[in-house]
Structure formats: structure tokens, C-alpha cells
């Protein structure tokens, strides 16, 4: 799934080259680890809602390095994931 995530993230950011692939992949991996190990979520690779949340969250992390406040729409979506998933 990581290739698909990377491709979607690059499209969202308007990046056409592979120069930042390592950095973007590290962001995606870090978010996956945070969601599974810290938040206790089980991510489903076939779930488009999970995929797009990862892409949107990674775009926020990439674009807002100096702003630690998560946008409300991402907070809401994360909250919904936590409630619906329950760490199963």
C-alpha cells in the first residue's frame, strides 16, 4: 500500500519528481507507526477511508512542519477512526 500512498501524497502536493520520496515515505511510515503503536488502530490496506486519512495527515505533516496544531478536520477524522476501530 505504501507505493499507492506515496503516489497519492505526491499528487496532492504537486510533486512530480522522486527527489523527496525518501522524506515522504518516512512521514508515511511514521504516521502508520503512530496510529498503530500509539493510538492502537488497525489500518486496513483495502479501506479507502484509511488510505485517504493517511495521505491527508501526511500532507499536513509535510506542509506544516512548524505548526503542531492538527487541523480540526483531521482531528475529527482521527476521532472517528478511533471510535469505529477501537484498536481491534
N, C-alpha and C. Protein backbone atom coordinates (compact mmCIF):
# COMPACT_ATOMS: atom_id res chain seq x y z
N UNK A 1 0.83 -1.20 0.00
CA UNK A 1 0.00 0.00 0.00
C UNK A 1 0.86 1.25 0.00
N UNK A 2 2.08 1.15 0.47
CA UNK A 2 2.90 2.35 0.62
C UNK A 2 3.18 3.06 -0.71
N UNK A 3 3.31 2.32 -1.80
CA UNK A 3 3.51 2.95 -3.11
C UNK A 3 2.29 3.77 -3.49
N UNK A 4 1.12 3.23 -3.25
CA UNK A 4 -0.11 3.95 -3.56
C UNK A 4 -0.22 5.21 -2.69
N UNK A 5 0.11 5.07 -1.42
CA UNK A 5 0.08 6.23 -0.52
C UNK A 5 1.05 7.31 -1.00
N UNK A 6 2.25 6.88 -1.35
CA UNK A 6 3.27 7.83 -1.81
C UNK A 6 2.81 8.52 -3.10
N UNK A 7 2.27 7.77 -4.03
CA UNK A 7 1.80 8.35 -5.29
C UNK A 7 0.68 9.37 -5.05
N UNK A 8 -0.26 9.02 -4.18
CA UNK A 8 -1.36 9.95 -3.88
C UNK A 8 -0.87 11.19 -3.15
N UNK A 9 0.06 11.02 -2.23
CA UNK A 9 0.62 12.16 -1.50
C UNK A 9 1.36 13.09 -2.45
N UNK A 10 2.16 12.53 -3.33
CA UNK A 10 2.89 13.36 -4.30
C UNK A 10 1.91 14.10 -5.21
N UNK A 11 0.83 13.45 -5.62
CA UNK A 11 -0.17 14.11 -6.46
C UNK A 11 -0.83 15.25 -5.70
N UNK A 12 -1.15 15.03 -4.43
CA UNK A 12 -1.79 16.06 -3.62
C UNK A 12 -0.86 17.26 -3.42
N UNK A 13 0.43 16.99 -3.29
CA UNK A 13 1.41 18.06 -3.09
C UNK A 13 1.90 18.67 -4.40
N UNK A 14 1.57 18.04 -5.52
CA UNK A 14 2.01 18.54 -6.82
C UNK A 14 3.47 18.24 -7.10
N UNK A 15 4.00 17.19 -6.50
CA UNK A 15 5.41 16.81 -6.69
C UNK A 15 5.49 15.80 -7.83
N UNK A 16 6.33 16.10 -8.82
CA UNK A 16 6.44 15.23 -9.99
C UNK A 16 7.72 14.40 -9.99
N UNK A 17 8.70 14.78 -9.18
CA UNK A 17 9.99 14.07 -9.19
C UNK A 17 10.08 13.11 -8.02
N UNK A 18 11.16 12.34 -8.01
CA UNK A 18 11.38 11.37 -6.93
C UNK A 18 12.35 11.90 -5.88
N UNK A 19 12.72 13.16 -5.97
CA UNK A 19 13.72 13.73 -5.08
C UNK A 19 13.32 13.64 -3.61
N UNK A 20 12.07 13.82 -3.29
CA UNK A 20 11.61 13.83 -1.89
C UNK A 20 10.96 12.52 -1.46
N UNK A 21 11.09 11.48 -2.27
CA UNK A 21 10.43 10.21 -1.96
C UNK A 21 10.85 9.64 -0.61
N UNK A 22 12.13 9.68 -0.30
CA UNK A 22 12.61 9.13 0.98
C UNK A 22 11.98 9.88 2.15
N UNK A 23 11.92 11.20 2.07
CA UNK A 23 11.34 12.01 3.14
C UNK A 23 9.84 11.76 3.27
N UNK A 24 9.14 11.72 2.14
CA UNK A 24 7.70 11.48 2.16
C UNK A 24 7.38 10.08 2.67
N UNK A 25 8.17 9.11 2.28
CA UNK A 25 7.98 7.74 2.74
C UNK A 25 8.20 7.65 4.25
N UNK A 26 9.19 8.38 4.76
CA UNK A 26 9.44 8.41 6.20
C UNK A 26 8.26 9.02 6.95
N UNK A 27 7.67 10.06 6.40
CA UNK A 27 6.48 10.67 7.01
C UNK A 27 5.34 9.66 7.06
N UNK A 28 5.09 8.98 5.96
CA UNK A 28 4.02 7.99 5.90
C UNK A 28 4.27 6.87 6.90
N UNK A 29 5.50 6.36 6.95
CA UNK A 29 5.83 5.29 7.88
C UNK A 29 5.68 5.73 9.33
N UNK A 30 6.10 6.95 9.62
CA UNK A 30 5.96 7.48 10.96
C UNK A 30 4.51 7.61 11.39
N UNK A 31 3.66 8.05 10.49
CA UNK A 31 2.24 8.19 10.78
C UNK A 31 1.62 6.81 11.00
N UNK A 32 1.97 5.84 10.16
CA UNK A 32 1.46 4.48 10.33
C UNK A 32 1.85 3.93 11.70
N UNK A 33 3.11 4.12 12.07
CA UNK A 33 3.58 3.63 13.38
C UNK A 33 2.84 4.32 14.51
N UNK A 34 2.67 5.62 14.40
CA UNK A 34 1.96 6.37 15.43
C UNK A 34 0.53 5.88 15.58
N UNK A 35 -0.15 5.68 14.46
CA UNK A 35 -1.55 5.25 14.52
C UNK A 35 -1.71 3.84 15.06
N UNK A 36 -0.79 2.95 14.71
CA UNK A 36 -0.92 1.57 15.16
C UNK A 36 -0.34 1.35 16.55
N UNK A 37 0.84 1.90 16.83
CA UNK A 37 1.50 1.63 18.10
C UNK A 37 1.06 2.55 19.23
N UNK A 38 0.80 3.81 18.94
CA UNK A 38 0.41 4.75 19.98
C UNK A 38 -1.11 4.81 20.13
N UNK A 39 -1.81 4.95 19.01
CA UNK A 39 -3.26 5.09 19.04
C UNK A 39 -3.99 3.75 19.11
N UNK A 40 -3.29 2.66 18.75
CA UNK A 40 -3.90 1.34 18.81
C UNK A 40 -4.83 0.99 17.67
N UNK A 41 -4.72 1.70 16.57
CA UNK A 41 -5.59 1.44 15.41
C UNK A 41 -5.06 0.26 14.59
N UNK A 42 -5.97 -0.42 13.94
CA UNK A 42 -5.61 -1.43 12.96
C UNK A 42 -5.97 -0.85 11.61
N UNK A 43 -4.96 -0.58 10.80
CA UNK A 43 -5.21 0.01 9.48
C UNK A 43 -5.47 -1.09 8.46
N UNK A 44 -6.49 -0.89 7.67
CA UNK A 44 -6.88 -1.84 6.64
C UNK A 44 -6.40 -1.31 5.29
N UNK A 45 -5.54 -2.05 4.64
CA UNK A 45 -4.96 -1.61 3.38
C UNK A 45 -5.99 -1.45 2.26
N UNK A 46 -7.11 -2.12 2.39
CA UNK A 46 -8.15 -2.07 1.36
C UNK A 46 -9.23 -1.03 1.65
N UNK A 47 -9.08 -0.31 2.74
CA UNK A 47 -10.08 0.68 3.14
C UNK A 47 -9.67 2.06 2.61
N UNK A 48 -10.45 2.59 1.70
CA UNK A 48 -10.10 3.88 1.09
C UNK A 48 -10.15 5.03 2.10
N UNK A 49 -10.99 4.91 3.11
CA UNK A 49 -11.05 5.95 4.16
C UNK A 49 -9.73 5.99 4.93
N UNK A 50 -9.18 4.82 5.26
CA UNK A 50 -7.89 4.76 5.94
C UNK A 50 -6.79 5.33 5.04
N UNK A 51 -6.82 4.94 3.78
CA UNK A 51 -5.81 5.40 2.83
C UNK A 51 -5.82 6.93 2.71
N UNK A 52 -6.99 7.49 2.53
CA UNK A 52 -7.07 8.95 2.35
C UNK A 52 -6.76 9.70 3.64
N UNK A 53 -7.08 9.12 4.80
CA UNK A 53 -6.69 9.76 6.05
C UNK A 53 -5.17 9.81 6.15
N UNK A 54 -4.50 8.70 5.83
CA UNK A 54 -3.04 8.69 5.85
C UNK A 54 -2.45 9.73 4.92
N UNK A 55 -3.00 9.83 3.72
CA UNK A 55 -2.50 10.80 2.73
C UNK A 55 -2.73 12.23 3.22
N UNK A 56 -3.91 12.51 3.72
CA UNK A 56 -4.22 13.86 4.19
C UNK A 56 -3.39 14.23 5.42
N UNK A 57 -3.20 13.27 6.31
CA UNK A 57 -2.39 13.51 7.51
C UNK A 57 -0.93 13.73 7.13
N UNK A 58 -0.43 12.95 6.17
CA UNK A 58 0.95 13.11 5.70
C UNK A 58 1.14 14.46 5.00
N UNK A 59 0.14 14.88 4.25
CA UNK A 59 0.22 16.20 3.59
C UNK A 59 0.28 17.31 4.63
N UNK A 60 -0.52 17.18 5.68
CA UNK A 60 -0.48 18.16 6.77
C UNK A 60 0.90 18.18 7.43
N UNK A 61 1.44 16.99 7.74
CA UNK A 61 2.75 16.92 8.39
C UNK A 61 3.84 17.51 7.51
N UNK A 62 3.77 17.25 6.22
CA UNK A 62 4.79 17.77 5.30
C UNK A 62 4.68 19.29 5.17
N UNK A 63 3.48 19.79 5.05
CA UNK A 63 3.28 21.22 4.79
C UNK A 63 3.32 22.10 6.02
N UNK A 64 3.20 21.52 7.20
CA UNK A 64 3.11 22.30 8.43
C UNK A 64 4.14 21.84 9.46
N UNK A 65 5.38 21.81 9.07
CA UNK A 65 6.44 21.33 9.95
C UNK A 65 6.52 22.12 11.26
N UNK A 66 6.23 23.40 11.21
CA UNK A 66 6.38 24.26 12.38
C UNK A 66 5.07 24.54 13.11
N UNK A 67 3.98 23.91 12.67
CA UNK A 67 2.68 24.14 13.29
C UNK A 67 2.20 22.84 13.93
N UNK A 68 2.32 22.72 15.26
CA UNK A 68 1.96 21.45 15.91
C UNK A 68 0.46 21.23 16.07
N UNK A 69 -0.35 22.22 15.76
CA UNK A 69 -1.79 22.10 15.95
C UNK A 69 -2.44 21.41 14.75
N UNK A 70 -3.01 20.23 14.99
CA UNK A 70 -3.66 19.48 13.93
C UNK A 70 -4.97 20.18 13.53
N UNK A 71 -5.22 20.31 12.23
CA UNK A 71 -6.48 20.93 11.80
C UNK A 71 -7.68 20.15 12.31
N UNK A 72 -8.76 20.87 12.51
CA UNK A 72 -9.97 20.29 13.09
C UNK A 72 -10.51 19.13 12.27
N UNK A 73 -10.45 19.22 10.94
CA UNK A 73 -10.99 18.13 10.11
C UNK A 73 -10.19 16.84 10.30
N UNK A 74 -8.88 16.95 10.51
CA UNK A 74 -8.08 15.76 10.77
C UNK A 74 -8.34 15.22 12.18
N UNK A 75 -8.51 16.10 13.14
CA UNK A 75 -8.84 15.67 14.50
C UNK A 75 -10.16 14.89 14.50
N UNK A 76 -11.13 15.42 13.80
CA UNK A 76 -12.45 14.78 13.72
C UNK A 76 -12.35 13.41 13.07
N UNK A 77 -11.61 13.32 11.96
CA UNK A 77 -11.47 12.04 11.26
C UNK A 77 -10.70 11.02 12.11
N UNK A 78 -9.65 11.48 12.81
CA UNK A 78 -8.91 10.58 13.69
C UNK A 78 -9.81 10.08 14.81
N UNK A 79 -10.57 10.98 15.39
CA UNK A 79 -11.50 10.60 16.45
C UNK A 79 -12.49 9.54 15.94
N UNK A 80 -13.02 9.74 14.76
CA UNK A 80 -13.95 8.77 14.18
C UNK A 80 -13.28 7.42 13.93
N UNK A 81 -12.01 7.44 13.49
CA UNK A 81 -11.28 6.20 13.30
C UNK A 81 -11.09 5.47 14.63
N UNK A 82 -10.75 6.22 15.65
CA UNK A 82 -10.55 5.60 16.97
C UNK A 82 -11.84 4.99 17.49
N UNK A 83 -12.94 5.68 17.31
CA UNK A 83 -14.23 5.16 17.79
C UNK A 83 -14.65 3.94 16.97
N UNK A 84 -14.56 4.03 15.65
CA UNK A 84 -15.04 2.93 14.81
C UNK A 84 -14.12 1.72 14.85
N UNK A 85 -12.82 1.95 15.03
CA UNK A 85 -11.85 0.87 15.00
C UNK A 85 -11.65 0.27 16.38
N UNK A 86 -11.55 1.10 17.37
CA UNK A 86 -11.40 0.62 18.74
C UNK A 86 -10.13 -0.17 19.00
N UNK A 87 -9.15 -0.10 18.08
CA UNK A 87 -7.89 -0.80 18.28
C UNK A 87 -7.95 -2.29 18.01
N UNK A 88 -9.01 -2.74 17.34
CA UNK A 88 -9.12 -4.18 17.02
C UNK A 88 -8.02 -4.63 16.10
